[in-house]
PDB file of N, CA and C in Angstrom:
ATOM      1  N   UNK A   1     131.636 130.478 133.858  1.00  0.00           N
ATOM      2  CA  UNK A   1     132.456 131.476 134.893  1.00  0.00           C
ATOM      3  C   UNK A   1     133.377 131.907 133.802  1.00  0.00           C
ATOM      4  N   UNK A   2     133.969 133.031 133.889  1.00  0.00           N
ATOM      5  CA  UNK A   2     135.092 133.319 133.193  1.00  0.00           C
ATOM      6  C   UNK A   2     136.182 132.535 133.595  1.00  0.00           C
ATOM      7  N   UNK A   3     137.309 132.868 132.711  1.00  0.00           N
ATOM      8  CA  UNK A   3     138.709 132.260 133.149  1.00  0.00           C
ATOM      9  C   UNK A   3     139.477 132.768 134.390  1.00  0.00           C
ATOM     10  N   UNK A   4     139.258 134.276 134.462  1.00  0.00           N
ATOM     11  CA  UNK A   4     139.742 134.922 135.529  1.00  0.00           C
ATOM     12  C   UNK A   4     138.905 134.314 137.074  1.00  0.00           C
ATOM     13  N   UNK A   5     137.544 134.086 136.911  1.00  0.00           N
ATOM     14  CA  UNK A   5     136.967 133.733 138.171  1.00  0.00           C
ATOM     15  C   UNK A   5     137.218 131.993 138.605  1.00  0.00           C
ATOM     16  N   UNK A   6     137.553 131.212 137.326  1.00  0.00           N
ATOM     17  CA  UNK A   6     137.885 129.938 137.550  1.00  0.00           C
ATOM     18  C   UNK A   6     138.789 129.960 138.339  1.00  0.00           C
ATOM     19  N   UNK A   7     140.206 130.945 137.826  1.00  0.00           N
ATOM     20  CA  UNK A   7     141.457 130.982 138.596  1.00  0.00           C
ATOM     21  C   UNK A   7     141.598 131.521 139.798  1.00  0.00           C
ATOM     22  N   UNK A   8     140.895 132.360 140.342  1.00  0.00           N
ATOM     23  CA  UNK A   8     140.122 132.727 141.687  1.00  0.00           C
ATOM     24  C   UNK A   8     139.804 131.646 142.233  1.00  0.00           C
ATOM     25  N   UNK A   9     138.828 130.742 141.682  1.00  0.00           N
ATOM     26  CA  UNK A   9     138.075 130.124 142.811  1.00  0.00           C
ATOM     27  C   UNK A   9     138.957 128.813 142.692  1.00  0.00           C
ATOM     28  N   UNK A  10     139.892 128.454 141.861  1.00  0.00           N
ATOM     29  CA  UNK A  10     140.570 127.490 142.114  1.00  0.00           C
ATOM     30  C   UNK A  10     141.832 127.743 143.220  1.00  0.00           C
ATOM     31  N   UNK A  11     142.393 129.017 143.121  1.00  0.00           N
ATOM     32  CA  UNK A  11     143.474 129.323 144.232  1.00  0.00           C
ATOM     33  C   UNK A  11     142.688 129.371 145.261  1.00  0.00           C
ATOM     34  N   UNK A  12     141.351 129.874 145.840  1.00  0.00           N
ATOM     35  CA  UNK A  12     140.695 130.017 146.846  1.00  0.00           C
ATOM     36  C   UNK A  12     140.399 128.399 147.616  1.00  0.00           C
ATOM     37  N   UNK A  13     140.289 127.387 146.735  1.00  0.00           N
ATOM     38  CA  UNK A  13     140.372 126.352 147.007  1.00  0.00           C
ATOM     39  C   UNK A  13     141.750 125.731 147.395  1.00  0.00           C
ATOM     40  N   UNK A  14     142.565 125.875 146.648  1.00  0.00           N
ATOM     41  CA  UNK A  14     144.049 125.685 147.122  1.00  0.00           C
ATOM     42  C   UNK A  14     144.262 126.084 148.150  1.00  0.00           C
ATOM     43  N   UNK A  15     144.073 127.221 148.555  1.00  0.00           N
ATOM     44  CA  UNK A  15     144.556 127.996 149.606  1.00  0.00           C
ATOM     45  C   UNK A  15     143.887 127.722 150.854  1.00  0.00           C
ATOM     46  N   UNK A  16     142.612 126.823 150.975  1.00  0.00           N
ATOM     47  CA  UNK A  16     142.024 126.042 151.811  1.00  0.00           C
ATOM     48  C   UNK A  16     142.750 124.923 152.291  1.00  0.00           C
ATOM     49  N   UNK A  17     143.292 124.166 151.432  1.00  0.00           N
ATOM     50  CA  UNK A  17     143.987 122.919 151.862  1.00  0.00           C
ATOM     51  C   UNK A  17     145.352 123.289 152.428  1.00  0.00           C
ATOM     52  N   UNK A  18     145.954 124.476 152.099  1.00  0.00           N
ATOM     53  CA  UNK A  18     147.145 124.748 152.714  1.00  0.00           C
ATOM     54  C   UNK A  18     146.748 125.255 154.180  1.00  0.00           C
ATOM     55  N   UNK A  19     145.919 126.155 154.104  1.00  0.00           N
ATOM     56  CA  UNK A  19     145.273 126.422 155.449  1.00  0.00           C
ATOM     57  C   UNK A  19     145.478 125.274 156.641  1.00  0.00           C
ATOM     58  N   UNK A  20     144.707 124.282 155.947  1.00  0.00           N
ATOM     59  CA  UNK A  20     144.444 123.026 156.779  1.00  0.00           C
ATOM     60  C   UNK A  20     145.574 122.601 157.367  1.00  0.00           C
ATOM     61  N   UNK A  21     146.805 122.058 156.201  1.00  0.00           N
ATOM     62  CA  UNK A  21     147.883 121.584 156.419  1.00  0.00           C
ATOM     63  C   UNK A  21     148.986 122.243 157.188  1.00  0.00           C
ATOM     64  N   UNK A  22     148.736 124.056 157.307  1.00  0.00           N
ATOM     65  CA  UNK A  22     149.414 124.854 158.225  1.00  0.00           C
ATOM     66  C   UNK A  22     148.675 124.480 159.757  1.00  0.00           C
ATOM     67  N   UNK A  23     147.283 124.227 159.872  1.00  0.00           N
ATOM     68  CA  UNK A  23     146.994 123.910 160.961  1.00  0.00           C
ATOM     69  C   UNK A  23     147.271 122.777 161.478  1.00  0.00           C
ATOM     70  N   UNK A  24     147.537 121.772 160.907  1.00  0.00           N
ATOM     71  CA  UNK A  24     147.808 120.322 161.478  1.00  0.00           C
ATOM     72  C   UNK A  24     149.422 120.777 162.038  1.00  0.00           C
ATOM     73  N   UNK A  25     150.181 121.341 161.111  1.00  0.00           N
ATOM     74  CA  UNK A  25     151.747 121.673 161.668  1.00  0.00           C
ATOM     75  C   UNK A  25     151.499 122.652 162.736  1.00  0.00           C
ATOM     76  N   UNK A  26     150.537 123.425 163.019  1.00  0.00           N
ATOM     77  CA  UNK A  26     150.811 123.987 164.037  1.00  0.00           C
ATOM     78  C   UNK A  26     150.112 123.339 165.237  1.00  0.00           C
ATOM     79  N   UNK A  27     149.498 122.149 164.978  1.00  0.00           N
ATOM     80  CA  UNK A  27     149.015 121.229 166.348  1.00  0.00           C
ATOM     81  C   UNK A  27     150.542 120.329 166.668  1.00  0.00           C
ATOM     82  N   UNK A  28     151.401 120.703 165.980  1.00  0.00           N
ATOM     83  CA  UNK A  28     152.594 119.991 166.260  1.00  0.00           C
ATOM     84  C   UNK A  28     152.919 118.507 165.452  1.00  0.00           C
ATOM     85  N   UNK A  29     152.043 118.375 164.539  1.00  0.00           N
ATOM     86  CA  UNK A  29     152.282 117.454 163.397  1.00  0.00           C
ATOM     87  C   UNK A  29     153.216 117.492 162.598  1.00  0.00           C
ATOM     88  N   UNK A  30     154.377 116.443 162.466  1.00  0.00           N
ATOM     89  CA  UNK A  30     155.531 116.731 161.517  1.00  0.00           C
ATOM     90  C   UNK A  30     155.122 117.369 160.205  1.00  0.00           C
ATOM     91  N   UNK A  31     155.619 118.159 159.658  1.00  0.00           N
ATOM     92  CA  UNK A  31     155.350 118.745 158.163  1.00  0.00           C
ATOM     93  C   UNK A  31     155.686 117.611 157.177  1.00  0.00           C
ATOM     94  N   UNK A  32     156.880 116.762 157.328  1.00  0.00           N
ATOM     95  CA  UNK A  32     156.759 115.694 156.127  1.00  0.00           C
ATOM     96  C   UNK A  32     155.473 114.755 156.301  1.00  0.00           C
ATOM     97  N   UNK A  33     155.057 114.307 157.822  1.00  0.00           N
ATOM     98  CA  UNK A  33     153.795 113.621 157.595  1.00  0.00           C
ATOM     99  C   UNK A  33     152.786 114.309 157.035  1.00  0.00           C
ATOM    100  N   UNK A  34     152.434 115.529 157.320  1.00  0.00           N
ATOM    101  CA  UNK A  34     151.522 116.439 157.042  1.00  0.00           C
ATOM    102  C   UNK A  34     151.375 116.554 155.447  1.00  0.00           C
ATOM    103  N   UNK A  35     152.737 116.565 154.751  1.00  0.00           N
ATOM    104  CA  UNK A  35     152.564 116.683 153.483  1.00  0.00           C
ATOM    105  C   UNK A  35     152.432 115.250 152.759  1.00  0.00           C
ATOM    106  N   UNK A  36     153.081 114.264 153.383  1.00  0.00           N
ATOM    107  CA  UNK A  36     152.456 112.778 152.530  1.00  0.00           C
ATOM    108  C   UNK A  36     151.002 112.608 152.850  1.00  0.00           C
ATOM    109  N   UNK A  37     150.459 112.993 153.931  1.00  0.00           N
ATOM    110  CA  UNK A  37     149.053 112.733 154.239  1.00  0.00           C
ATOM    111  C   UNK A  37     148.263 113.469 153.319  1.00  0.00           C
ATOM    112  N   UNK A  38     148.538 114.575 152.842  1.00  0.00           N
ATOM    113  CA  UNK A  38     147.920 115.580 152.022  1.00  0.00           C
ATOM    114  C   UNK A  38     148.398 115.256 150.416  1.00  0.00           C
ATOM    115  N   UNK A  39     149.415 114.361 150.262  1.00  0.00           N
ATOM    116  CA  UNK A  39     149.549 113.618 149.031  1.00  0.00           C
ATOM    117  C   UNK A  39     148.673 112.328 148.767  1.00  0.00           C
ATOM    118  N   UNK A  40     148.544 111.573 149.770  1.00  0.00           N
ATOM    119  CA  UNK A  40     147.882 110.714 149.795  1.00  0.00           C
ATOM    120  C   UNK A  40     146.277 110.908 149.713  1.00  0.00           C
ATOM    121  N   UNK A  41     145.864 111.948 150.284  1.00  0.00           N
ATOM    122  CA  UNK A  41     144.507 112.164 150.113  1.00  0.00           C
ATOM    123  C   UNK A  41     144.403 112.431 148.634  1.00  0.00           C
ATOM    124  N   UNK A  42     145.104 113.349 147.879  1.00  0.00           N
ATOM    125  CA  UNK A  42     145.088 114.067 146.815  1.00  0.00           C
ATOM    126  C   UNK A  42     144.857 112.586 145.686  1.00  0.00           C
ATOM    127  N   UNK A  43     145.581 111.700 145.923  1.00  0.00           N
ATOM    128  CA  UNK A  43     146.122 110.710 145.202  1.00  0.00           C
ATOM    129  C   UNK A  43     144.498 109.617 145.307  1.00  0.00           C
ATOM    130  N   UNK A  44     144.025 109.210 146.641  1.00  0.00           N
ATOM    131  CA  UNK A  44     142.660 108.724 146.726  1.00  0.00           C
ATOM    132  C   UNK A  44     141.758 109.480 146.149  1.00  0.00           C
ATOM    133  N   UNK A  45     141.270 110.758 146.496  1.00  0.00           N
ATOM    134  CA  UNK A  45     140.510 111.394 145.539  1.00  0.00           C
ATOM    135  C   UNK A  45     140.659 111.356 144.077  1.00  0.00           C
ATOM    136  N   UNK A  46     141.743 111.749 143.671  1.00  0.00           N
ATOM    137  CA  UNK A  46     142.092 111.674 142.244  1.00  0.00           C
ATOM    138  C   UNK A  46     141.946 110.348 141.628  1.00  0.00           C
ATOM    139  N   UNK A  47     141.803 109.192 142.329  1.00  0.00           N
ATOM    140  CA  UNK A  47     141.713 107.615 141.689  1.00  0.00           C
ATOM    141  C   UNK A  47     139.976 107.632 141.820  1.00  0.00           C
ATOM    142  N   UNK A  48     139.385 108.123 143.196  1.00  0.00           N
ATOM    143  CA  UNK A  48     137.721 107.880 143.169  1.00  0.00           C
ATOM    144  C   UNK A  48     137.472 108.752 141.786  1.00  0.00           C
ATOM    145  N   UNK A  49     137.890 110.088 141.753  1.00  0.00           N
ATOM    146  CA  UNK A  49     136.840 110.822 140.584  1.00  0.00           C
ATOM    147  C   UNK A  49     137.174 110.380 139.268  1.00  0.00           C
ATOM    148  N   UNK A  50     138.439 109.045 139.103  1.00  0.00           N
ATOM    149  CA  UNK A  50     138.728 108.603 137.789  1.00  0.00           C
ATOM    150  C   UNK A  50     137.983 107.174 137.495  1.00  0.00           C
ATOM    151  N   UNK A  51     138.129 106.518 138.895  1.00  0.00           N
ATOM    152  CA  UNK A  51     137.714 105.327 138.726  1.00  0.00           C
ATOM    153  C   UNK A  51     136.472 104.811 139.915  1.00  0.00           C
ATOM    154  N   UNK A  52     136.318 105.653 140.507  1.00  0.00           N
ATOM    155  CA  UNK A  52     134.795 105.262 141.219  1.00  0.00           C
ATOM    156  C   UNK A  52     135.184 104.851 143.071  1.00  0.00           C
ATOM    157  N   UNK A  53     134.274 104.501 143.726  1.00  0.00           N
ATOM    158  CA  UNK A  53     134.948 104.047 145.077  1.00  0.00           C
ATOM    159  C   UNK A  53     135.354 102.408 144.775  1.00  0.00           C
ATOM    160  N   UNK A  54     135.088 101.940 143.991  1.00  0.00           N
ATOM    161  CA  UNK A  54     135.646 100.457 143.994  1.00  0.00           C
ATOM    162  C   UNK A  54     136.540 100.059 142.800  1.00  0.00           C
ATOM    163  N   UNK A  55     136.921 101.062 142.004  1.00  0.00           N
ATOM    164  CA  UNK A  55     137.916 100.531 140.896  1.00  0.00           C
ATOM    165  C   UNK A  55     139.079 101.497 141.447  1.00  0.00           C
ATOM    166  N   UNK A  56     139.945 101.200 140.608  1.00  0.00           N
ATOM    167  CA  UNK A  56     141.394 101.447 140.519  1.00  0.00           C
ATOM    168  C   UNK A  56     142.234 101.969 139.073  1.00  0.00           C
ATOM    169  N   UNK A  57     143.018 102.546 139.280  1.00  0.00           N
ATOM    170  CA  UNK A  57     143.925 103.191 138.010  1.00  0.00           C
ATOM    171  C   UNK A  57     144.543 101.900 137.447  1.00  0.00           C
ATOM    172  N   UNK A  58     144.749 102.027 136.219  1.00  0.00           N
ATOM    173  CA  UNK A  58     145.692 101.002 135.284  1.00  0.00           C
ATOM    174  C   UNK A  58     147.057 101.942 135.280  1.00  0.00           C
ATOM    175  N   UNK A  59     148.253 101.294 134.978  1.00  0.00           N
ATOM    176  CA  UNK A  59     149.277 102.007 134.934  1.00  0.00           C
ATOM    177  C   UNK A  59     149.309 103.207 134.051  1.00  0.00           C
ATOM    178  N   UNK A  60     148.582 103.062 133.156  1.00  0.00           N
ATOM    179  CA  UNK A  60     148.311 104.405 132.295  1.00  0.00           C
ATOM    180  C   UNK A  60     147.288 105.526 132.733  1.00  0.00           C
ATOM    181  N   UNK A  61     146.559 105.343 133.705  1.00  0.00           N
ATOM    182  CA  UNK A  61     145.983 106.047 134.683  1.00  0.00           C
ATOM    183  C   UNK A  61     146.907 106.878 135.577  1.00  0.00           C
ATOM    184  N   UNK A  62     147.635 105.886 136.293  1.00  0.00           N
ATOM    185  CA  UNK A  62     148.407 106.290 137.168  1.00  0.00           C
ATOM    186  C   UNK A  62     149.595 107.495 136.596  1.00  0.00           C
ATOM    187  N   UNK A  63     150.066 106.923 135.447  1.00  0.00           N
ATOM    188  CA  UNK A  63     150.985 107.739 134.659  1.00  0.00           C
ATOM    189  C   UNK A  63     150.515 108.883 134.274  1.00  0.00           C
ATOM    190  N   UNK A  64     149.204 109.366 133.715  1.00  0.00           N
ATOM    191  CA  UNK A  64     148.187 110.753 133.805  1.00  0.00           C
ATOM    192  C   UNK A  64     148.430 111.368 134.970  1.00  0.00           C
ATOM    193  N   UNK A  65     148.075 110.851 135.912  1.00  0.00           N
ATOM    194  CA  UNK A  65     147.925 111.309 137.316  1.00  0.00           C
ATOM    195  C   UNK A  65     149.356 112.047 137.957  1.00  0.00           C
ATOM    196  N   UNK A  66     150.485 111.179 137.767  1.00  0.00           N
ATOM    197  CA  UNK A  66     151.746 111.531 137.915  1.00  0.00           C
ATOM    198  C   UNK A  66     152.066 112.718 137.301  1.00  0.00           C
ATOM    199  N   UNK A  67     151.942 112.580 135.947  1.00  0.00           N
ATOM    200  CA  UNK A  67     152.376 113.716 135.017  1.00  0.00           C
ATOM    201  C   UNK A  67     151.487 115.121 135.364  1.00  0.00           C
ATOM    202  N   UNK A  68     150.264 114.788 135.532  1.00  0.00           N
ATOM    203  CA  UNK A  68     149.436 116.047 136.096  1.00  0.00           C
ATOM    204  C   UNK A  68     149.813 116.860 137.203  1.00  0.00           C
ATOM    205  N   UNK A  69     150.371 115.871 138.228  1.00  0.00           N
ATOM    206  CA  UNK A  69     151.196 116.450 139.678  1.00  0.00           C
ATOM    207  C   UNK A  69     152.124 117.031 139.263  1.00  0.00           C
ATOM    208  N   UNK A  70     152.916 116.480 138.243  1.00  0.00           N
ATOM    209  CA  UNK A  70     154.499 117.207 137.947  1.00  0.00           C
ATOM    210  C   UNK A  70     154.076 118.528 137.157  1.00  0.00           C
ATOM    211  N   UNK A  71     152.962 118.448 136.295  1.00  0.00           N
ATOM    212  CA  UNK A  71     152.767 119.839 135.542  1.00  0.00           C
ATOM    213  C   UNK A  71     152.261 120.965 137.038  1.00  0.00           C
ATOM    214  N   UNK A  72     151.988 120.253 137.816  1.00  0.00           N
ATOM    215  CA  UNK A  72     151.090 121.533 139.045  1.00  0.00           C
ATOM    216  C   UNK A  72     152.224 121.758 139.728  1.00  0.00           C
ATOM    217  N   UNK A  73     153.511 120.834 139.899  1.00  0.00           N
ATOM    218  CA  UNK A  73     154.541 121.241 140.675  1.00  0.00           C
ATOM    219  C   UNK A  73     155.457 122.302 139.776  1.00  0.00           C
ATOM    220  N   UNK A  74     155.480 121.962 138.554  1.00  0.00           N
ATOM    221  CA  UNK A  74     156.155 123.110 137.622  1.00  0.00           C
ATOM    222  C   UNK A  74     155.569 124.342 137.292  1.00  0.00           C
ATOM    223  N   UNK A  75     154.084 124.373 137.558  1.00  0.00           N
ATOM    224  CA  UNK A  75     153.323 125.810 137.343  1.00  0.00           C
ATOM    225  C   UNK A  75     153.813 126.413 139.033  1.00  0.00           C
ATOM    226  N   UNK A  76     153.859 125.689 139.885  1.00  0.00           N
ATOM    227  CA  UNK A  76     154.152 126.552 140.864  1.00  0.00           C
ATOM    228  C   UNK A  76     155.452 126.829 141.269  1.00  0.00           C
ATOM    229  N   UNK A  77     156.489 126.511 140.714  1.00  0.00           N
ATOM    230  CA  UNK A  77     157.625 126.810 140.555  1.00  0.00           C
ATOM    231  C   UNK A  77     157.926 127.833 139.478  1.00  0.00           C
ATOM    232  N   UNK A  78     157.161 128.327 138.463  1.00  0.00           N
ATOM    233  CA  UNK A  78     157.483 129.221 137.936  1.00  0.00           C
ATOM    234  C   UNK A  78     156.509 130.112 138.372  1.00  0.00           C
ATOM    235  N   UNK A  79     155.467 130.617 139.145  1.00  0.00           N
ATOM    236  CA  UNK A  79     155.020 131.374 139.696  1.00  0.00           C
ATOM    237  C   UNK A  79     155.880 131.913 140.699  1.00  0.00           C
ATOM    238  N   UNK A  80     156.350 130.946 141.635  1.00  0.00           N
ATOM    239  CA  UNK A  80     157.193 131.431 142.658  1.00  0.00           C
ATOM    240  C   UNK A  80     158.713 132.093 142.035  1.00  0.00           C
ATOM    241  N   UNK A  81     159.225 131.617 140.871  1.00  0.00           N
ATOM    242  CA  UNK A  81     160.168 132.090 140.401  1.00  0.00           C
ATOM    243  C   UNK A  81     159.840 133.763 139.893  1.00  0.00           C
ATOM    244  N   UNK A  82     158.579 133.555 139.004  1.00  0.00           N
ATOM    245  CA  UNK A  82     158.443 135.054 138.843  1.00  0.00           C
ATOM    246  C   UNK A  82     157.968 135.881 139.814  1.00  0.00           C
ATOM    247  N   UNK A  83     157.499 135.747 141.085  1.00  0.00           N
ATOM    248  CA  UNK A  83     157.387 136.770 142.168  1.00  0.00           C
ATOM    249  C   UNK A  83     158.994 136.822 142.549  1.00  0.00           C
ATOM    250  N   UNK A  84     159.666 136.147 142.604  1.00  0.00           N
ATOM    251  CA  UNK A  84     160.804 136.246 143.216  1.00  0.00           C
ATOM    252  C   UNK A  84     161.622 137.271 142.233  1.00  0.00           C
ATOM    253  N   UNK A  85     161.494 136.840 141.196  1.00  0.00           N
ATOM    254  CA  UNK A  85     162.150 137.866 140.146  1.00  0.00           C
ATOM    255  C   UNK A  85     161.665 139.495 140.007  1.00  0.00           C
ATOM    256  N   UNK A  86     160.448 139.451 140.289  1.00  0.00           N
ATOM    257  CA  UNK A  86     159.905 140.748 140.642  1.00  0.00           C
ATOM    258  C   UNK A  86     160.223 141.672 141.684  1.00  0.00           C
ATOM    259  N   UNK A  87     160.700 140.989 142.608  1.00  0.00           N
ATOM    260  CA  UNK A  87     160.933 141.773 144.021  1.00  0.00           C
ATOM    261  C   UNK A  87     160.901 141.153 145.267  1.00  0.00           C
TER     262      UNK A  87
END
């Protein structure tokens, strides 16, 4: 796959999670609970892909995961700022 196709697929996958979260919100679930559940699911899945079903992350693995999440938040903010600056 090309980098552009990878970005498009990544964006489509992320959009599916946002759509599901919005559906939960529309069902009357508190947005703070939806957000916390989504973060918990992400942390659970990240632990699984790095340590398996029976494993866990050592402190260095937790730090890597936190740093990765922080980078994602920063990237989203850059994208949102660029969109705001452009109009």
